[in-house]
Amino acid sequence: MGELQKLPNIADKLEAQLVEVGVASIAALKKTGSREAWLRIAAIDPSACYMRLCSLEGAIQGVRWHNLDDATKQQMKAFYQEHKPS
């Protein structure tokens, strides 16, 4: 278990993807932000989905992604719709 798995929503696969795209620490994830981290992951994994984006945002906020407030979920959904892999 790496450092990133100490955050909510981050398990083995997502941590490995984050490390692969250059986000190898909690500080790096917070600095990069959920959107940029997700874009990097989507570039290497076309299955990157809305839930993965929300998982990253929840990890940054320190909450399970299900518990993100509605406004944040709407922002994430709009971002995802604009940038989702084809």
PDB file of N, CA and C in Angstrom:
ATOM      1  N   MET A   1       0.847  -1.181   0.000  1.00  0.00           N
ATOM      2  CA  MET A   1       0.000   0.000   0.000  1.00  0.00           C
ATOM      3  C   MET A   1       0.880   1.227   0.000  1.00  0.00           C
ATOM      4  N   GLY A   2       0.687   2.059  -0.994  1.00  0.00           N
ATOM      5  CA  GLY A   2       1.453   3.285  -1.088  1.00  0.00           C
ATOM      6  C   GLY A   2       0.787   4.432  -0.355  1.00  0.00           C
ATOM      7  N   GLU A   3       1.446   5.552  -0.389  1.00  0.00           N
ATOM      8  CA  GLU A   3       0.960   6.753   0.300  1.00  0.00           C
ATOM      9  C   GLU A   3      -0.421   7.176  -0.176  1.00  0.00           C
ATOM     10  N   LEU A   4      -0.665   7.097  -1.473  1.00  0.00           N
ATOM     11  CA  LEU A   4      -1.943   7.562  -2.015  1.00  0.00           C
ATOM     12  C   LEU A   4      -3.130   6.739  -1.507  1.00  0.00           C
ATOM     13  N   GLN A   5      -2.893   5.469  -1.173  1.00  0.00           N
ATOM     14  CA  GLN A   5      -3.984   4.627  -0.688  1.00  0.00           C
ATOM     15  C   GLN A   5      -4.439   5.002   0.722  1.00  0.00           C
ATOM     16  N   LYS A   6      -3.752   5.910   1.355  1.00  0.00           N
ATOM     17  CA  LYS A   6      -4.210   6.426   2.648  1.00  0.00           C
ATOM     18  C   LYS A   6      -5.422   7.338   2.469  1.00  0.00           C
ATOM     19  N   LEU A   7      -5.632   7.798   1.244  1.00  0.00           N
ATOM     20  CA  LEU A   7      -6.760   8.675   0.945  1.00  0.00           C
ATOM     21  C   LEU A   7      -8.001   7.848   0.634  1.00  0.00           C
ATOM     22  N   PRO A   8      -9.188   8.398   0.909  1.00  0.00           N
ATOM     23  CA  PRO A   8     -10.407   7.693   0.514  1.00  0.00           C
ATOM     24  C   PRO A   8     -10.464   7.541  -1.006  1.00  0.00           C
ATOM     25  N   ASN A   9     -11.067   6.489  -1.462  1.00  0.00           N
ATOM     26  CA  ASN A   9     -11.338   6.224  -2.874  1.00  0.00           C
ATOM     27  C   ASN A   9     -10.141   5.717  -3.679  1.00  0.00           C
ATOM     28  N   ILE A  10      -8.959   5.685  -3.099  1.00  0.00           N
ATOM     29  CA  ILE A  10      -7.765   5.298  -3.850  1.00  0.00           C
ATOM     30  C   ILE A  10      -7.382   3.861  -3.477  1.00  0.00           C
ATOM     31  N   ALA A  11      -7.511   2.967  -4.448  1.00  0.00           N
ATOM     32  CA  ALA A  11      -7.095   1.566  -4.259  1.00  0.00           C
ATOM     33  C   ALA A  11      -5.907   1.300  -5.181  1.00  0.00           C
ATOM     34  N   ASP A  12      -5.507   0.043  -5.253  1.00  0.00           N
ATOM     35  CA  ASP A  12      -4.305  -0.341  -6.003  1.00  0.00           C
ATOM     36  C   ASP A  12      -4.268   0.198  -7.431  1.00  0.00           C
ATOM     37  N   LYS A  13      -5.328  -0.063  -8.189  1.00  0.00           N
ATOM     38  CA  LYS A  13      -5.323   0.297  -9.611  1.00  0.00           C
ATOM     39  C   LYS A  13      -5.214   1.801  -9.805  1.00  0.00           C
ATOM     40  N   LEU A  14      -6.015   2.560  -9.073  1.00  0.00           N
ATOM     41  CA  LEU A  14      -5.989   4.011  -9.248  1.00  0.00           C
ATOM     42  C   LEU A  14      -4.659   4.590  -8.785  1.00  0.00           C
ATOM     43  N   GLU A  15      -4.117   4.065  -7.704  1.00  0.00           N
ATOM     44  CA  GLU A  15      -2.802   4.529  -7.270  1.00  0.00           C
ATOM     45  C   GLU A  15      -1.749   4.239  -8.346  1.00  0.00           C
ATOM     46  N   ALA A  16      -1.778   3.048  -8.923  1.00  0.00           N
ATOM     47  CA  ALA A  16      -0.805   2.699  -9.966  1.00  0.00           C
ATOM     48  C   ALA A  16      -0.937   3.632 -11.162  1.00  0.00           C
ATOM     49  N   GLN A  17      -2.158   3.957 -11.529  1.00  0.00           N
ATOM     50  CA  GLN A  17      -2.355   4.876 -12.647  1.00  0.00           C
ATOM     51  C   GLN A  17      -1.838   6.275 -12.305  1.00  0.00           C
ATOM     52  N   LEU A  18      -2.102   6.726 -11.111  1.00  0.00           N
ATOM     53  CA  LEU A  18      -1.607   8.045 -10.704  1.00  0.00           C
ATOM     54  C   LEU A  18      -0.082   8.091 -10.766  1.00  0.00           C
ATOM     55  N   VAL A  19       0.552   7.065 -10.243  1.00  0.00           N
ATOM     56  CA  VAL A  19       2.017   7.015 -10.276  1.00  0.00           C
ATOM     57  C   VAL A  19       2.501   7.004 -11.723  1.00  0.00           C
ATOM     58  N   GLU A  20       1.832   6.243 -12.569  1.00  0.00           N
ATOM     59  CA  GLU A  20       2.225   6.156 -13.975  1.00  0.00           C
ATOM     60  C   GLU A  20       2.161   7.514 -14.686  1.00  0.00           C
ATOM     61  N   VAL A  21       1.210   8.350 -14.274  1.00  0.00           N
ATOM     62  CA  VAL A  21       1.068   9.661 -14.926  1.00  0.00           C
ATOM     63  C   VAL A  21       1.783  10.772 -14.168  1.00  0.00           C
ATOM     64  N   GLY A  22       2.646  10.388 -13.218  1.00  0.00           N
ATOM     65  CA  GLY A  22       3.484  11.376 -12.550  1.00  0.00           C
ATOM     66  C   GLY A  22       2.917  12.002 -11.306  1.00  0.00           C
ATOM     67  N   VAL A  23       1.899  11.371 -10.728  1.00  0.00           N
ATOM     68  CA  VAL A  23       1.299  11.883  -9.491  1.00  0.00           C
ATOM     69  C   VAL A  23       1.532  10.819  -8.423  1.00  0.00           C
ATOM     70  N   ALA A  24       2.662  10.912  -7.744  1.00  0.00           N
ATOM     71  CA  ALA A  24       3.097   9.807  -6.886  1.00  0.00           C
ATOM     72  C   ALA A  24       2.943  10.072  -5.393  1.00  0.00           C
ATOM     73  N   SER A  25       2.360  11.201  -5.025  1.00  0.00           N
ATOM     74  CA  SER A  25       2.214  11.498  -3.598  1.00  0.00           C
ATOM     75  C   SER A  25       0.912  12.257  -3.364  1.00  0.00           C
ATOM     76  N   ILE A  26       0.517  12.311  -2.104  1.00  0.00           N
ATOM     77  CA  ILE A  26      -0.686  13.072  -1.743  1.00  0.00           C
ATOM     78  C   ILE A  26      -0.497  14.537  -2.114  1.00  0.00           C
ATOM     79  N   ALA A  27       0.665  15.085  -1.802  1.00  0.00           N
ATOM     80  CA  ALA A  27       0.936  16.493  -2.131  1.00  0.00           C
ATOM     81  C   ALA A  27       0.858  16.728  -3.635  1.00  0.00           C
ATOM     82  N   ALA A  28       1.390  15.789  -4.407  1.00  0.00           N
ATOM     83  CA  ALA A  28       1.347  15.934  -5.865  1.00  0.00           C
ATOM     84  C   ALA A  28      -0.086  15.886  -6.381  1.00  0.00           C
ATOM     85  N   LEU A  29      -0.913  15.014  -5.803  1.00  0.00           N
ATOM     86  CA  LEU A  29      -2.315  14.937  -6.217  1.00  0.00           C
ATOM     87  C   LEU A  29      -3.029  16.241  -5.906  1.00  0.00           C
ATOM     88  N   LYS A  30      -2.816  16.766  -4.721  1.00  0.00           N
ATOM     89  CA  LYS A  30      -3.471  18.024  -4.346  1.00  0.00           C
ATOM     90  C   LYS A  30      -3.003  19.167  -5.240  1.00  0.00           C
ATOM     91  N   LYS A  31      -1.735  19.182  -5.574  1.00  0.00           N
ATOM     92  CA  LYS A  31      -1.199  20.234  -6.436  1.00  0.00           C
ATOM     93  C   LYS A  31      -1.725  20.084  -7.870  1.00  0.00           C
ATOM     94  N   THR A  32      -1.784  18.870  -8.356  1.00  0.00           N
ATOM     95  CA  THR A  32      -2.236  18.600  -9.713  1.00  0.00           C
ATOM     96  C   THR A  32      -3.730  18.847  -9.865  1.00  0.00           C
ATOM     97  N   GLY A  33      -4.488  18.443  -8.858  1.00  0.00           N
ATOM     98  CA  GLY A  33      -5.940  18.583  -8.907  1.00  0.00           C
ATOM     99  C   GLY A  33      -6.597  17.390  -9.567  1.00  0.00           C
ATOM    100  N   SER A  34      -7.855  17.196  -9.242  1.00  0.00           N
ATOM    101  CA  SER A  34      -8.582  16.026  -9.737  1.00  0.00           C
ATOM    102  C   SER A  34      -8.756  16.052 -11.244  1.00  0.00           C
ATOM    103  N   ARG A  35      -9.046  17.206 -11.793  1.00  0.00           N
ATOM    104  CA  ARG A  35      -9.317  17.287 -13.229  1.00  0.00           C
ATOM    105  C   ARG A  35      -8.067  16.963 -14.052  1.00  0.00           C
ATOM    106  N   GLU A  36      -6.963  17.589 -13.722  1.00  0.00           N
ATOM    107  CA  GLU A  36      -5.724  17.342 -14.471  1.00  0.00           C
ATOM    108  C   GLU A  36      -5.259  15.900 -14.283  1.00  0.00           C
ATOM    109  N   ALA A  37      -5.352  15.389 -13.059  1.00  0.00           N
ATOM    110  CA  ALA A  37      -4.957  13.996 -12.821  1.00  0.00           C
ATOM    111  C   ALA A  37      -5.831  13.060 -13.644  1.00  0.00           C
ATOM    112  N   TRP A  38      -7.125  13.338 -13.699  1.00  0.00           N
ATOM    113  CA  TRP A  38      -8.032  12.503 -14.474  1.00  0.00           C
ATOM    114  C   TRP A  38      -7.718  12.582 -15.968  1.00  0.00           C
ATOM    115  N   LEU A  39      -7.428  13.789 -16.468  1.00  0.00           N
ATOM    116  CA  LEU A  39      -7.078  13.927 -17.885  1.00  0.00           C
ATOM    117  C   LEU A  39      -5.848  13.099 -18.222  1.00  0.00           C
ATOM    118  N   ARG A  40      -4.872  13.102 -17.335  1.00  0.00           N
ATOM    119  CA  ARG A  40      -3.656  12.310 -17.567  1.00  0.00           C
ATOM    120  C   ARG A  40      -3.984  10.819 -17.587  1.00  0.00           C
ATOM    121  N   ILE A  41      -4.837  10.393 -16.662  1.00  0.00           N
ATOM    122  CA  ILE A  41      -5.228   8.981 -16.615  1.00  0.00           C
ATOM    123  C   ILE A  41      -6.035   8.620 -17.863  1.00  0.00           C
ATOM    124  N   ALA A  42      -6.955   9.486 -18.261  1.00  0.00           N
ATOM    125  CA  ALA A  42      -7.783   9.215 -19.440  1.00  0.00           C
ATOM    126  C   ALA A  42      -6.927   9.081 -20.699  1.00  0.00           C
ATOM    127  N   ALA A  43      -5.795   9.760 -20.727  1.00  0.00           N
ATOM    128  CA  ALA A  43      -4.902   9.665 -21.882  1.00  0.00           C
ATOM    129  C   ALA A  43      -4.267   8.283 -22.005  1.00  0.00           C
ATOM    130  N   ILE A  44      -4.148   7.563 -20.898  1.00  0.00           N
ATOM    131  CA  ILE A  44      -3.556   6.220 -20.939  1.00  0.00           C
ATOM    132  C   ILE A  44      -4.586   5.112 -20.760  1.00  0.00           C
ATOM    133  N   ASP A  45      -5.806   5.487 -20.318  1.00  0.00           N
ATOM    134  CA  ASP A  45      -6.843   4.494 -20.058  1.00  0.00           C
ATOM    135  C   ASP A  45      -8.197   5.033 -20.503  1.00  0.00           C
ATOM    136  N   PRO A  46      -8.645   4.667 -21.692  1.00  0.00           N
ATOM    137  CA  PRO A  46      -9.913   5.189 -22.187  1.00  0.00           C
ATOM    138  C   PRO A  46     -11.136   4.755 -21.372  1.00  0.00           C
ATOM    139  N   SER A  47     -10.959   3.846 -20.425  1.00  0.00           N
ATOM    140  CA  SER A  47     -12.090   3.461 -19.579  1.00  0.00           C
ATOM    141  C   SER A  47     -12.257   4.411 -18.390  1.00  0.00           C
ATOM    142  N   ALA A  48     -11.409   5.433 -18.303  1.00  0.00           N
ATOM    143  CA  ALA A  48     -11.528   6.408 -17.211  1.00  0.00           C
ATOM    144  C   ALA A  48     -12.927   7.018 -17.250  1.00  0.00           C
ATOM    145  N   CYS A  49     -13.639   6.922 -16.141  1.00  0.00           N
ATOM    146  CA  CYS A  49     -15.048   7.297 -16.117  1.00  0.00           C
ATOM    147  C   CYS A  49     -15.308   8.437 -15.128  1.00  0.00           C
ATOM    148  N   TYR A  50     -16.563   8.847 -15.112  1.00  0.00           N
ATOM    149  CA  TYR A  50     -17.025   9.899 -14.203  1.00  0.00           C
ATOM    150  C   TYR A  50     -16.733   9.532 -12.752  1.00  0.00           C
ATOM    151  N   MET A  51     -16.964   8.284 -12.382  1.00  0.00           N
ATOM    152  CA  MET A  51     -16.727   7.866 -10.992  1.00  0.00           C
ATOM    153  C   MET A  51     -15.246   7.978 -10.620  1.00  0.00           C
ATOM    154  N   ARG A  52     -14.365   7.704 -11.566  1.00  0.00           N
ATOM    155  CA  ARG A  52     -12.939   7.841 -11.282  1.00  0.00           C
ATOM    156  C   ARG A  52     -12.582   9.307 -11.049  1.00  0.00           C
ATOM    157  N   LEU A  53     -13.168  10.194 -11.842  1.00  0.00           N
ATOM    158  CA  LEU A  53     -12.966  11.629 -11.647  1.00  0.00           C
ATOM    159  C   LEU A  53     -13.452  12.048 -10.265  1.00  0.00           C
ATOM    160  N   CYS A  54     -14.642  11.615  -9.892  1.00  0.00           N
ATOM    161  CA  CYS A  54     -15.183  11.940  -8.574  1.00  0.00           C
ATOM    162  C   CYS A  54     -14.353  11.305  -7.463  1.00  0.00           C
ATOM    163  N   SER A  55     -13.830  10.124  -7.703  1.00  0.00           N
ATOM    164  CA  SER A  55     -12.971   9.478  -6.708  1.00  0.00           C
ATOM    165  C   SER A  55     -11.738  10.326  -6.432  1.00  0.00           C
ATOM    166  N   LEU A  56     -11.161  10.882  -7.483  1.00  0.00           N
ATOM    167  CA  LEU A  56      -9.989  11.740  -7.304  1.00  0.00           C
ATOM    168  C   LEU A  56     -10.350  13.007  -6.526  1.00  0.00           C
ATOM    169  N   GLU A  57     -11.479  13.613  -6.868  1.00  0.00           N
ATOM    170  CA  GLU A  57     -11.897  14.826  -6.154  1.00  0.00           C
ATOM    171  C   GLU A  57     -12.194  14.506  -4.696  1.00  0.00           C
ATOM    172  N   GLY A  58     -12.872  13.396  -4.455  1.00  0.00           N
ATOM    173  CA  GLY A  58     -13.151  12.991  -3.083  1.00  0.00           C
ATOM    174  C   GLY A  58     -11.878  12.723  -2.304  1.00  0.00           C
ATOM    175  N   ALA A  59     -10.900  12.100  -2.942  1.00  0.00           N
ATOM    176  CA  ALA A  59      -9.623  11.848  -2.277  1.00  0.00           C
ATOM    177  C   ALA A  59      -8.971  13.161  -1.853  1.00  0.00           C
ATOM    178  N   ILE A  60      -8.998  14.141  -2.731  1.00  0.00           N
ATOM    179  CA  ILE A  60      -8.418  15.448  -2.404  1.00  0.00           C
ATOM    180  C   ILE A  60      -9.165  16.097  -1.246  1.00  0.00           C
ATOM    181  N   GLN A  61     -10.487  15.971  -1.251  1.00  0.00           N
ATOM    182  CA  GLN A  61     -11.293  16.574  -0.186  1.00  0.00           C
ATOM    183  C   GLN A  61     -11.318  15.728   1.089  1.00  0.00           C
ATOM    184  N   GLY A  62     -10.841  14.488   0.997  1.00  0.00           N
ATOM    185  CA  GLY A  62     -10.817  13.612   2.163  1.00  0.00           C
ATOM    186  C   GLY A  62     -12.141  12.955   2.482  1.00  0.00           C
ATOM    187  N   VAL A  63     -12.980  12.761   1.440  1.00  0.00           N
ATOM    188  CA  VAL A  63     -14.288  12.130   1.632  1.00  0.00           C
ATOM    189  C   VAL A  63     -14.509  11.049   0.586  1.00  0.00           C
ATOM    190  N   ARG A  64     -15.388  10.102   0.894  1.00  0.00           N
ATOM    191  CA  ARG A  64     -15.807   9.132  -0.109  1.00  0.00           C
ATOM    192  C   ARG A  64     -16.484   9.906  -1.227  1.00  0.00           C
ATOM    193  N   TRP A  65     -16.296   9.484  -2.459  1.00  0.00           N
ATOM    194  CA  TRP A  65     -16.819  10.269  -3.577  1.00  0.00           C
ATOM    195  C   TRP A  65     -18.334  10.375  -3.538  1.00  0.00           C
ATOM    196  N   HIS A  66     -19.003   9.405  -2.959  1.00  0.00           N
ATOM    197  CA  HIS A  66     -20.468   9.450  -2.845  1.00  0.00           C
ATOM    198  C   HIS A  66     -20.917  10.643  -2.001  1.00  0.00           C
ATOM    199  N   ASN A  67     -20.033  11.106  -1.123  1.00  0.00           N
ATOM    200  CA  ASN A  67     -20.391  12.181  -0.199  1.00  0.00           C
ATOM    201  C   ASN A  67     -19.989  13.571  -0.681  1.00  0.00           C
ATOM    202  N   LEU A  68     -19.534  13.682  -1.914  1.00  0.00           N
ATOM    203  CA  LEU A  68     -19.275  15.011  -2.461  1.00  0.00           C
ATOM    204  C   LEU A  68     -20.589  15.783  -2.516  1.00  0.00           C
ATOM    205  N   ASP A  69     -20.524  17.088  -2.306  1.00  0.00           N
ATOM    206  CA  ASP A  69     -21.761  17.866  -2.357  1.00  0.00           C
ATOM    207  C   ASP A  69     -22.283  17.916  -3.797  1.00  0.00           C
ATOM    208  N   ASP A  70     -23.565  18.202  -3.921  1.00  0.00           N
ATOM    209  CA  ASP A  70     -24.216  18.162  -5.228  1.00  0.00           C
ATOM    210  C   ASP A  70     -23.590  19.129  -6.230  1.00  0.00           C
ATOM    211  N   ALA A  71     -23.198  20.306  -5.779  1.00  0.00           N
ATOM    212  CA  ALA A  71     -22.593  21.287  -6.684  1.00  0.00           C
ATOM    213  C   ALA A  71     -21.283  20.738  -7.257  1.00  0.00           C
ATOM    214  N   THR A  72     -20.487  20.113  -6.419  1.00  0.00           N
ATOM    215  CA  THR A  72     -19.224  19.534  -6.887  1.00  0.00           C
ATOM    216  C   THR A  72     -19.495  18.399  -7.864  1.00  0.00           C
ATOM    217  N   LYS A  73     -20.463  17.560  -7.560  1.00  0.00           N
ATOM    218  CA  LYS A  73     -20.803  16.459  -8.473  1.00  0.00           C
ATOM    219  C   LYS A  73     -21.241  16.997  -9.832  1.00  0.00           C
ATOM    220  N   GLN A  74     -22.003  18.068  -9.838  1.00  0.00           N
ATOM    221  CA  GLN A  74     -22.442  18.666 -11.097  1.00  0.00           C
ATOM    222  C   GLN A  74     -21.265  19.235 -11.883  1.00  0.00           C
ATOM    223  N   GLN A  75     -20.329  19.871 -11.174  1.00  0.00           N
ATOM    224  CA  GLN A  75     -19.130  20.401 -11.830  1.00  0.00           C
ATOM    225  C   GLN A  75     -18.302  19.265 -12.431  1.00  0.00           C
ATOM    226  N   MET A  76     -18.161  18.181 -11.671  1.00  0.00           N
ATOM    227  CA  MET A  76     -17.410  17.033 -12.165  1.00  0.00           C
ATOM    228  C   MET A  76     -18.102  16.422 -13.379  1.00  0.00           C
ATOM    229  N   LYS A  77     -19.431  16.327 -13.335  1.00  0.00           N
ATOM    230  CA  LYS A  77     -20.185  15.743 -14.447  1.00  0.00           C
ATOM    231  C   LYS A  77     -20.021  16.599 -15.704  1.00  0.00           C
ATOM    232  N   ALA A  78     -20.095  17.919 -15.567  1.00  0.00           N
ATOM    233  CA  ALA A  78     -19.934  18.806 -16.716  1.00  0.00           C
ATOM    234  C   ALA A  78     -18.523  18.671 -17.295  1.00  0.00           C
ATOM    235  N   PHE A  79     -17.531  18.619 -16.434  1.00  0.00           N
ATOM    236  CA  PHE A  79     -16.146  18.454 -16.890  1.00  0.00           C
ATOM    237  C   PHE A  79     -15.986  17.125 -17.615  1.00  0.00           C
ATOM    238  N   TYR A  80     -16.530  16.074 -17.027  1.00  0.00           N
ATOM    239  CA  TYR A  80     -16.438  14.753 -17.641  1.00  0.00           C
ATOM    240  C   TYR A  80     -17.091  14.747 -19.022  1.00  0.00           C
ATOM    241  N   GLN A  81     -18.282  15.296 -19.121  1.00  0.00           N
ATOM    242  CA  GLN A  81     -18.983  15.319 -20.402  1.00  0.00           C
ATOM    243  C   GLN A  81     -18.184  16.054 -21.470  1.00  0.00           C
ATOM    244  N   GLU A  82     -17.493  17.100 -21.062  1.00  0.00           N
ATOM    245  CA  GLU A  82     -16.697  17.889 -22.005  1.00  0.00           C
ATOM    246  C   GLU A  82     -15.414  17.167 -22.444  1.00  0.00           C
ATOM    247  N   HIS A  83     -14.869  16.326 -21.554  1.00  0.00           N
ATOM    248  CA  HIS A  83     -13.549  15.723 -21.803  1.00  0.00           C
ATOM    249  C   HIS A  83     -13.526  14.206 -21.899  1.00  0.00           C
ATOM    250  N   LYS A  84     -14.665  13.544 -21.812  1.00  0.00           N
ATOM    251  CA  LYS A  84     -14.656  12.082 -21.781  1.00  0.00           C
ATOM    252  C   LYS A  84     -14.032  11.505 -23.038  1.00  0.00           C
ATOM    253  N   PRO A  85     -13.313  10.380 -22.848  1.00  0.00           N
ATOM    254  CA  PRO A  85     -12.702   9.717 -24.004  1.00  0.00           C
ATOM    255  C   PRO A  85     -13.773   9.233 -24.974  1.00  0.00           C
ATOM    256  N   SER A  86     -13.451   9.265 -26.238  1.00  0.00           N
ATOM    257  CA  SER A  86     -14.420   8.850 -27.261  1.00  0.00           C
ATOM    258  C   SER A  86     -14.554   7.357 -27.331  1.00  0.00           C
TER     259      SER A  86
END
